[in-house]
Amino acid sequence: MIVQQINLYQDRFREKRLWLSAAQVAAAMLVLIGAISIWSFLLDSELQQAQQRNLAIKADRDSMTAELAAANTELARLLQDSRLDDEIENTARQISARKKVLNFVDANRFGSGEGFSAYLVALSNLHVDNIWLNQIRLAENFVQLKGSSLSAEQVPGYFDRFSDEEIFQGNRFDQFELSRDDKSEWKVDFEIATRVTLDE
């Protein structure tokens, strides 16, 4: 009979405690995988939102670029178009001419010491239907009237009425012309003028 003694107090025979069981490790792995999946989903969602925002920003930028290009094109067209400059220049000439007329009206005086407003008042008193004046020239001792009438027969009667106005009394009209333009046969043009000097 063989007898063998075994020391049961050796470390290999002692009960070993495991800190984590296989089930716990598997559960921990599942939790970790779930957390990674959720994190990946959130990151992907944020990435998609960022891409959409980027597309929207690019679209706005392209729209603004197109509008800026259109504005530059319109500006270049306006700068090349001289009509606006011509209109401005024409308006400036008209304003200058009107200022000259106003200055002339304010400053001009005839030999009588009075302005020519009396002449204009007298001419307005001589109003006759179908007769109108196109040009009035008044200077010292000089009157020239150019106008038109629908009927040549009315013109002599119109000038006969000049003697009714005191300011024209004593003036001698040495020029009297009637004419008719082939392009405007519906009217007759007339012109009368006094002598340049009236020393009589």
C-alpha atoms as a PDB file:
ATOM      1  CA  MET A   1       0.000   0.000   0.000  1.00  0.00           C
ATOM      2  CA  ILE A   2       1.303   3.307  -1.116  1.00  0.00           C
ATOM      3  CA  VAL A   3       0.562   6.306   0.969  1.00  0.00           C
ATOM      4  CA  GLN A   4       1.154   9.859  -0.325  1.00  0.00           C
ATOM      5  CA  GLN A   5       0.636  13.001   1.612  1.00  0.00           C
ATOM      6  CA  ILE A   6      -0.800  16.005  -0.107  1.00  0.00           C
ATOM      7  CA  ASN A   7      -0.477  19.482   1.260  1.00  0.00           C
ATOM      8  CA  LEU A   8      -3.878  21.036   0.697  1.00  0.00           C
ATOM      9  CA  TYR A   9      -2.657  24.395   1.843  1.00  0.00           C
ATOM     10  CA  GLN A  10      -0.762  25.087  -1.308  1.00  0.00           C
ATOM     11  CA  ASP A  11      -1.814  28.136  -3.312  1.00  0.00           C
ATOM     12  CA  ARG A  12      -2.945  26.073  -6.228  1.00  0.00           C
ATOM     13  CA  PHE A  13      -5.511  24.375  -4.130  1.00  0.00           C
ATOM     14  CA  ARG A  14      -6.905  27.532  -2.610  1.00  0.00           C
ATOM     15  CA  GLU A  15     -10.178  28.933  -3.961  1.00  0.00           C
ATOM     16  CA  LYS A  16      -9.541  31.878  -6.291  1.00  0.00           C
ATOM     17  CA  ARG A  17     -11.977  34.726  -6.500  1.00  0.00           C
ATOM     18  CA  LEU A  18     -12.580  36.366  -9.873  1.00  0.00           C
ATOM     19  CA  TRP A  19     -13.182  40.113  -9.850  1.00  0.00           C
ATOM     20  CA  LEU A  20     -15.366  39.992 -13.008  1.00  0.00           C
ATOM     21  CA  SER A  21     -17.303  37.086 -14.291  1.00  0.00           C
ATOM     22  CA  ALA A  22     -17.764  36.362 -17.986  1.00  0.00           C
ATOM     23  CA  ALA A  23     -21.370  37.545 -17.797  1.00  0.00           C
ATOM     24  CA  GLN A  24     -20.290  40.855 -16.330  1.00  0.00           C
ATOM     25  CA  VAL A  25     -17.647  41.296 -18.975  1.00  0.00           C
ATOM     26  CA  ALA A  26     -20.201  40.541 -21.696  1.00  0.00           C
ATOM     27  CA  ALA A  27     -22.646  42.993 -20.174  1.00  0.00           C
ATOM     28  CA  ALA A  28     -19.964  45.647 -19.949  1.00  0.00           C
ATOM     29  CA  MET A  29     -19.070  45.042 -23.586  1.00  0.00           C
ATOM     30  CA  LEU A  30     -22.712  45.377 -24.609  1.00  0.00           C
ATOM     31  CA  VAL A  31     -23.014  48.653 -22.697  1.00  0.00           C
ATOM     32  CA  LEU A  32     -19.809  49.934 -24.278  1.00  0.00           C
ATOM     33  CA  ILE A  33     -20.961  48.941 -27.752  1.00  0.00           C
ATOM     34  CA  GLY A  34     -24.329  50.615 -27.158  1.00  0.00           C
ATOM     35  CA  ALA A  35     -22.662  53.799 -25.944  1.00  0.00           C
ATOM     36  CA  ILE A  36     -20.355  53.840 -28.960  1.00  0.00           C
ATOM     37  CA  SER A  37     -23.340  53.272 -31.254  1.00  0.00           C
ATOM     38  CA  ILE A  38     -25.311  56.120 -29.687  1.00  0.00           C
ATOM     39  CA  TRP A  39     -22.280  58.418 -29.847  1.00  0.00           C
ATOM     40  CA  SER A  40     -21.712  57.481 -33.490  1.00  0.00           C
ATOM     41  CA  PHE A  41     -25.384  58.186 -34.271  1.00  0.00           C
ATOM     42  CA  LEU A  42     -25.195  61.596 -32.618  1.00  0.00           C
ATOM     43  CA  LEU A  43     -21.988  62.444 -34.434  1.00  0.00           C
ATOM     44  CA  ASP A  44     -23.495  61.357 -37.758  1.00  0.00           C
ATOM     45  CA  SER A  45     -26.618  63.447 -37.082  1.00  0.00           C
ATOM     46  CA  GLU A  46     -24.522  66.511 -36.257  1.00  0.00           C
ATOM     47  CA  LEU A  47     -22.444  65.905 -39.376  1.00  0.00           C
ATOM     48  CA  GLN A  48     -25.561  65.769 -41.551  1.00  0.00           C
ATOM     49  CA  GLN A  49     -26.887  68.992 -39.979  1.00  0.00           C
ATOM     50  CA  ALA A  50     -23.539  70.667 -40.529  1.00  0.00           C
ATOM     51  CA  GLN A  51     -23.539  69.547 -44.162  1.00  0.00           C
ATOM     52  CA  GLN A  52     -27.063  70.924 -44.647  1.00  0.00           C
ATOM     53  CA  ARG A  53     -26.043  74.238 -43.084  1.00  0.00           C
ATOM     54  CA  ASN A  54     -23.001  74.293 -45.317  1.00  0.00           C
ATOM     55  CA  LEU A  55     -25.166  73.726 -48.395  1.00  0.00           C
ATOM     56  CA  ALA A  56     -27.523  76.509 -47.315  1.00  0.00           C
ATOM     57  CA  ILE A  57     -24.594  78.877 -46.753  1.00  0.00           C
ATOM     58  CA  LYS A  58     -23.173  77.993 -50.176  1.00  0.00           C
ATOM     59  CA  ALA A  59     -26.572  78.616 -51.792  1.00  0.00           C
ATOM     60  CA  ASP A  60     -26.837  82.020 -50.075  1.00  0.00           C
ATOM     61  CA  ARG A  61     -23.302  82.854 -51.134  1.00  0.00           C
ATOM     62  CA  ASP A  62     -24.005  81.875 -54.742  1.00  0.00           C
ATOM     63  CA  SER A  63     -27.209  83.938 -54.701  1.00  0.00           C
ATOM     64  CA  MET A  64     -25.394  86.974 -53.300  1.00  0.00           C
ATOM     65  CA  THR A  65     -22.610  86.524 -55.856  1.00  0.00           C
ATOM     66  CA  ALA A  66     -25.157  86.400 -58.681  1.00  0.00           C
ATOM     67  CA  GLU A  67     -26.946  89.515 -57.374  1.00  0.00           C
ATOM     68  CA  LEU A  68     -23.637  91.351 -57.030  1.00  0.00           C
ATOM     69  CA  ALA A  69     -22.665  90.388 -60.575  1.00  0.00           C
ATOM     70  CA  ALA A  70     -26.042  91.601 -61.869  1.00  0.00           C
ATOM     71  CA  ALA A  71     -25.670  94.883 -59.955  1.00  0.00           C
ATOM     72  CA  ASN A  72     -22.164  95.382 -61.351  1.00  0.00           C
ATOM     73  CA  THR A  73     -23.442  94.703 -64.860  1.00  0.00           C
ATOM     74  CA  GLU A  74     -26.287  97.208 -64.425  1.00  0.00           C
ATOM     75  CA  LEU A  75     -23.879  99.773 -62.979  1.00  0.00           C
ATOM     76  CA  ALA A  76     -21.501  99.310 -65.904  1.00  0.00           C
ATOM     77  CA  ARG A  77     -24.414  99.723 -68.316  1.00  0.00           C
ATOM     78  CA  LEU A  78     -25.542 102.911 -66.594  1.00  0.00           C
ATOM     79  CA  LEU A  79     -22.019 104.295 -66.594  1.00  0.00           C
ATOM     80  CA  GLN A  80     -21.693 103.592 -70.313  1.00  0.00           C
ATOM     81  CA  ASP A  81     -25.126 105.062 -71.061  1.00  0.00           C
ATOM     82  CA  SER A  82     -24.575 108.738 -71.776  1.00  0.00           C
ATOM     83  CA  ARG A  83     -28.290 109.545 -71.881  1.00  0.00           C
ATOM     84  CA  LEU A  84     -28.336 110.309 -68.163  1.00  0.00           C
ATOM     85  CA  ASP A  85     -25.396 112.706 -68.548  1.00  0.00           C
ATOM     86  CA  ASP A  86     -27.107 114.299 -71.540  1.00  0.00           C
ATOM     87  CA  GLU A  87     -30.318 114.768 -69.548  1.00  0.00           C
ATOM     88  CA  ILE A  88     -28.397 116.285 -66.653  1.00  0.00           C
ATOM     89  CA  GLU A  89     -26.529 118.619 -68.995  1.00  0.00           C
ATOM     90  CA  ASN A  90     -29.730 119.596 -70.786  1.00  0.00           C
ATOM     91  CA  THR A  91     -31.487 120.296 -67.484  1.00  0.00           C
ATOM     92  CA  ALA A  92     -28.518 122.363 -66.330  1.00  0.00           C
ATOM     93  CA  ARG A  93     -28.669 124.401 -69.561  1.00  0.00           C
ATOM     94  CA  GLN A  94     -32.391 124.993 -69.113  1.00  0.00           C
ATOM     95  CA  ILE A  95     -31.898 126.102 -65.519  1.00  0.00           C
ATOM     96  CA  SER A  96     -29.078 128.425 -66.589  1.00  0.00           C
ATOM     97  CA  ALA A  97     -31.226 129.891 -69.366  1.00  0.00           C
ATOM     98  CA  ARG A  98     -34.108 130.490 -66.966  1.00  0.00           C
ATOM     99  CA  LYS A  99     -31.784 132.172 -64.491  1.00  0.00           C
ATOM    100  CA  LYS A 100     -30.529 134.453 -67.251  1.00  0.00           C
ATOM    101  CA  VAL A 101     -34.092 135.317 -68.208  1.00  0.00           C
ATOM    102  CA  LEU A 102     -34.985 136.089 -64.587  1.00  0.00           C
ATOM    103  CA  ASN A 103     -31.864 138.207 -64.175  1.00  0.00           C
ATOM    104  CA  PHE A 104     -32.689 140.007 -67.413  1.00  0.00           C
ATOM    105  CA  VAL A 105     -36.250 140.634 -66.263  1.00  0.00           C
ATOM    106  CA  ASP A 106     -35.005 141.972 -62.925  1.00  0.00           C
ATOM    107  CA  ALA A 107     -32.222 144.140 -64.332  1.00  0.00           C
ATOM    108  CA  ASN A 108     -33.386 145.249 -67.786  1.00  0.00           C
ATOM    109  CA  ARG A 109     -34.663 148.782 -68.158  1.00  0.00           C
ATOM    110  CA  PHE A 110     -35.671 150.775 -71.233  1.00  0.00           C
ATOM    111  CA  GLY A 111     -34.876 154.349 -72.032  1.00  0.00           C
ATOM    112  CA  SER A 112     -38.090 155.439 -70.357  1.00  0.00           C
ATOM    113  CA  GLY A 113     -36.772 154.277 -67.022  1.00  0.00           C
ATOM    114  CA  GLU A 114     -39.551 151.739 -66.733  1.00  0.00           C
ATOM    115  CA  GLY A 115     -39.306 148.019 -67.213  1.00  0.00           C
ATOM    116  CA  PHE A 116     -40.928 146.203 -70.101  1.00  0.00           C
ATOM    117  CA  SER A 117     -43.736 144.837 -67.955  1.00  0.00           C
ATOM    118  CA  ALA A 118     -45.978 147.589 -69.369  1.00  0.00           C
ATOM    119  CA  TYR A 119     -45.361 146.240 -72.875  1.00  0.00           C
ATOM    120  CA  LEU A 120     -46.271 142.741 -71.785  1.00  0.00           C
ATOM    121  CA  VAL A 121     -49.416 143.941 -70.053  1.00  0.00           C
ATOM    122  CA  ALA A 122     -50.421 145.829 -73.191  1.00  0.00           C
ATOM    123  CA  LEU A 123     -49.818 142.760 -75.366  1.00  0.00           C
ATOM    124  CA  SER A 124     -51.905 140.625 -73.032  1.00  0.00           C
ATOM    125  CA  ASN A 125     -54.725 143.163 -73.357  1.00  0.00           C
ATOM    126  CA  LEU A 126     -54.612 142.706 -77.131  1.00  0.00           C
ATOM    127  CA  HIS A 127     -55.574 139.037 -76.942  1.00  0.00           C
ATOM    128  CA  VAL A 128     -57.437 137.797 -80.018  1.00  0.00           C
ATOM    129  CA  ASP A 129     -58.671 134.273 -80.549  1.00  0.00           C
ATOM    130  CA  ASN A 130     -56.704 132.213 -83.103  1.00  0.00           C
ATOM    131  CA  ILE A 131     -53.724 134.607 -82.960  1.00  0.00           C
ATOM    132  CA  TRP A 132     -50.667 133.943 -80.818  1.00  0.00           C
ATOM    133  CA  LEU A 133     -47.175 135.365 -80.428  1.00  0.00           C
ATOM    134  CA  ASN A 134     -44.134 133.135 -80.867  1.00  0.00           C
ATOM    135  CA  GLN A 135     -41.406 135.686 -80.161  1.00  0.00           C
ATOM    136  CA  ILE A 136     -41.259 139.082 -78.477  1.00  0.00           C
ATOM    137  CA  ARG A 137     -38.151 141.255 -78.669  1.00  0.00           C
ATOM    138  CA  LEU A 138     -38.055 144.418 -76.633  1.00  0.00           C
ATOM    139  CA  ALA A 139     -35.137 146.775 -76.399  1.00  0.00           C
ATOM    140  CA  GLU A 140     -34.625 150.473 -76.015  1.00  0.00           C
ATOM    141  CA  ASN A 141     -36.907 152.116 -78.615  1.00  0.00           C
ATOM    142  CA  PHE A 142     -37.365 148.817 -80.412  1.00  0.00           C
ATOM    143  CA  VAL A 143     -40.260 146.335 -80.530  1.00  0.00           C
ATOM    144  CA  GLN A 144     -40.375 143.201 -82.667  1.00  0.00           C
ATOM    145  CA  LEU A 145     -43.227 140.703 -82.604  1.00  0.00           C
ATOM    146  CA  LYS A 146     -43.404 137.359 -84.393  1.00  0.00           C
ATOM    147  CA  GLY A 147     -46.520 135.232 -84.272  1.00  0.00           C
ATOM    148  CA  SER A 148     -49.030 133.128 -86.135  1.00  0.00           C
ATOM    149  CA  SER A 149     -52.710 133.190 -86.960  1.00  0.00           C
ATOM    150  CA  LEU A 150     -55.200 130.662 -88.209  1.00  0.00           C
ATOM    151  CA  SER A 151     -56.566 133.279 -90.590  1.00  0.00           C
ATOM    152  CA  ALA A 152     -54.621 135.954 -92.475  1.00  0.00           C
ATOM    153  CA  GLU A 153     -57.664 138.238 -92.432  1.00  0.00           C
ATOM    154  CA  GLN A 154     -57.466 138.597 -88.647  1.00  0.00           C
ATOM    155  CA  VAL A 155     -53.899 139.920 -88.572  1.00  0.00           C
ATOM    156  CA  PRO A 156     -54.566 143.546 -89.744  1.00  0.00           C
ATOM    157  CA  GLY A 157     -57.389 143.937 -87.241  1.00  0.00           C
ATOM    158  CA  TYR A 158     -55.087 142.631 -84.508  1.00  0.00           C
ATOM    159  CA  PHE A 159     -52.486 145.316 -85.226  1.00  0.00           C
ATOM    160  CA  ASP A 160     -55.120 148.043 -85.534  1.00  0.00           C
ATOM    161  CA  ARG A 161     -55.839 147.499 -81.844  1.00  0.00           C
ATOM    162  CA  PHE A 162     -52.259 148.502 -80.925  1.00  0.00           C
ATOM    163  CA  SER A 163     -53.279 152.158 -81.036  1.00  0.00           C
ATOM    164  CA  ASP A 164     -55.670 151.466 -78.144  1.00  0.00           C
ATOM    165  CA  GLU A 165     -52.740 150.812 -75.820  1.00  0.00           C
ATOM    166  CA  GLU A 166     -50.996 153.930 -74.540  1.00  0.00           C
ATOM    167  CA  ILE A 167     -47.537 152.408 -74.495  1.00  0.00           C
ATOM    168  CA  PHE A 168     -47.658 151.699 -78.243  1.00  0.00           C
ATOM    169  CA  GLN A 169     -48.975 155.136 -79.171  1.00  0.00           C
ATOM    170  CA  GLY A 170     -46.308 157.068 -81.043  1.00  0.00           C
ATOM    171  CA  ASN A 171     -44.432 153.924 -82.085  1.00  0.00           C
ATOM    172  CA  ARG A 172     -44.068 153.450 -85.782  1.00  0.00           C
ATOM    173  CA  PHE A 173     -43.953 149.906 -87.102  1.00  0.00           C
ATOM    174  CA  ASP A 174     -41.842 150.013 -90.246  1.00  0.00           C
ATOM    175  CA  GLN A 175     -41.718 146.274 -90.867  1.00  0.00           C
ATOM    176  CA  PHE A 176     -44.741 144.094 -91.573  1.00  0.00           C
ATOM    177  CA  GLU A 177     -44.464 140.631 -93.109  1.00  0.00           C
ATOM    178  CA  LEU A 178     -46.883 137.767 -93.709  1.00  0.00           C
ATOM    179  CA  SER A 179     -45.711 134.322 -94.784  1.00  0.00           C
ATOM    180  CA  ARG A 180     -47.027 130.795 -95.021  1.00  0.00           C
ATOM    181  CA  ASP A 181     -44.877 127.667 -94.716  1.00  0.00           C
ATOM    182  CA  ASP A 182     -45.612 124.809 -97.115  1.00  0.00           C
ATOM    183  CA  LYS A 183     -45.203 122.369 -94.233  1.00  0.00           C
ATOM    184  CA  SER A 184     -47.768 124.169 -92.079  1.00  0.00           C
ATOM    185  CA  GLU A 185     -50.360 125.600 -94.443  1.00  0.00           C
ATOM    186  CA  TRP A 186     -52.973 125.599 -91.704  1.00  0.00           C
ATOM    187  CA  LYS A 187     -51.516 128.852 -90.300  1.00  0.00           C
ATOM    188  CA  VAL A 188     -49.991 132.112 -91.487  1.00  0.00           C
ATOM    189  CA  ASP A 189     -46.920 133.644 -89.820  1.00  0.00           C
ATOM    190  CA  PHE A 190     -46.446 137.366 -89.307  1.00  0.00           C
ATOM    191  CA  GLU A 191     -43.720 139.691 -88.133  1.00  0.00           C
ATOM    192  CA  ILE A 192     -43.812 143.390 -87.295  1.00  0.00           C
ATOM    193  CA  ALA A 193     -41.064 145.617 -85.931  1.00  0.00           C
ATOM    194  CA  THR A 194     -40.467 149.279 -85.196  1.00  0.00           C
ATOM    195  CA  ARG A 195     -37.498 151.235 -86.337  1.00  0.00           C
ATOM    196  CA  VAL A 196     -34.380 150.735 -84.242  1.00  0.00           C
ATOM    197  CA  THR A 197     -34.422 154.392 -83.170  1.00  0.00           C
ATOM    198  CA  LEU A 198     -37.401 156.688 -82.759  1.00  0.00           C
ATOM    199  CA  ASP A 199     -36.099 160.211 -82.547  1.00  0.00           C
ATOM    200  CA  GLU A 200     -39.154 161.853 -84.112  1.00  0.00           C
END
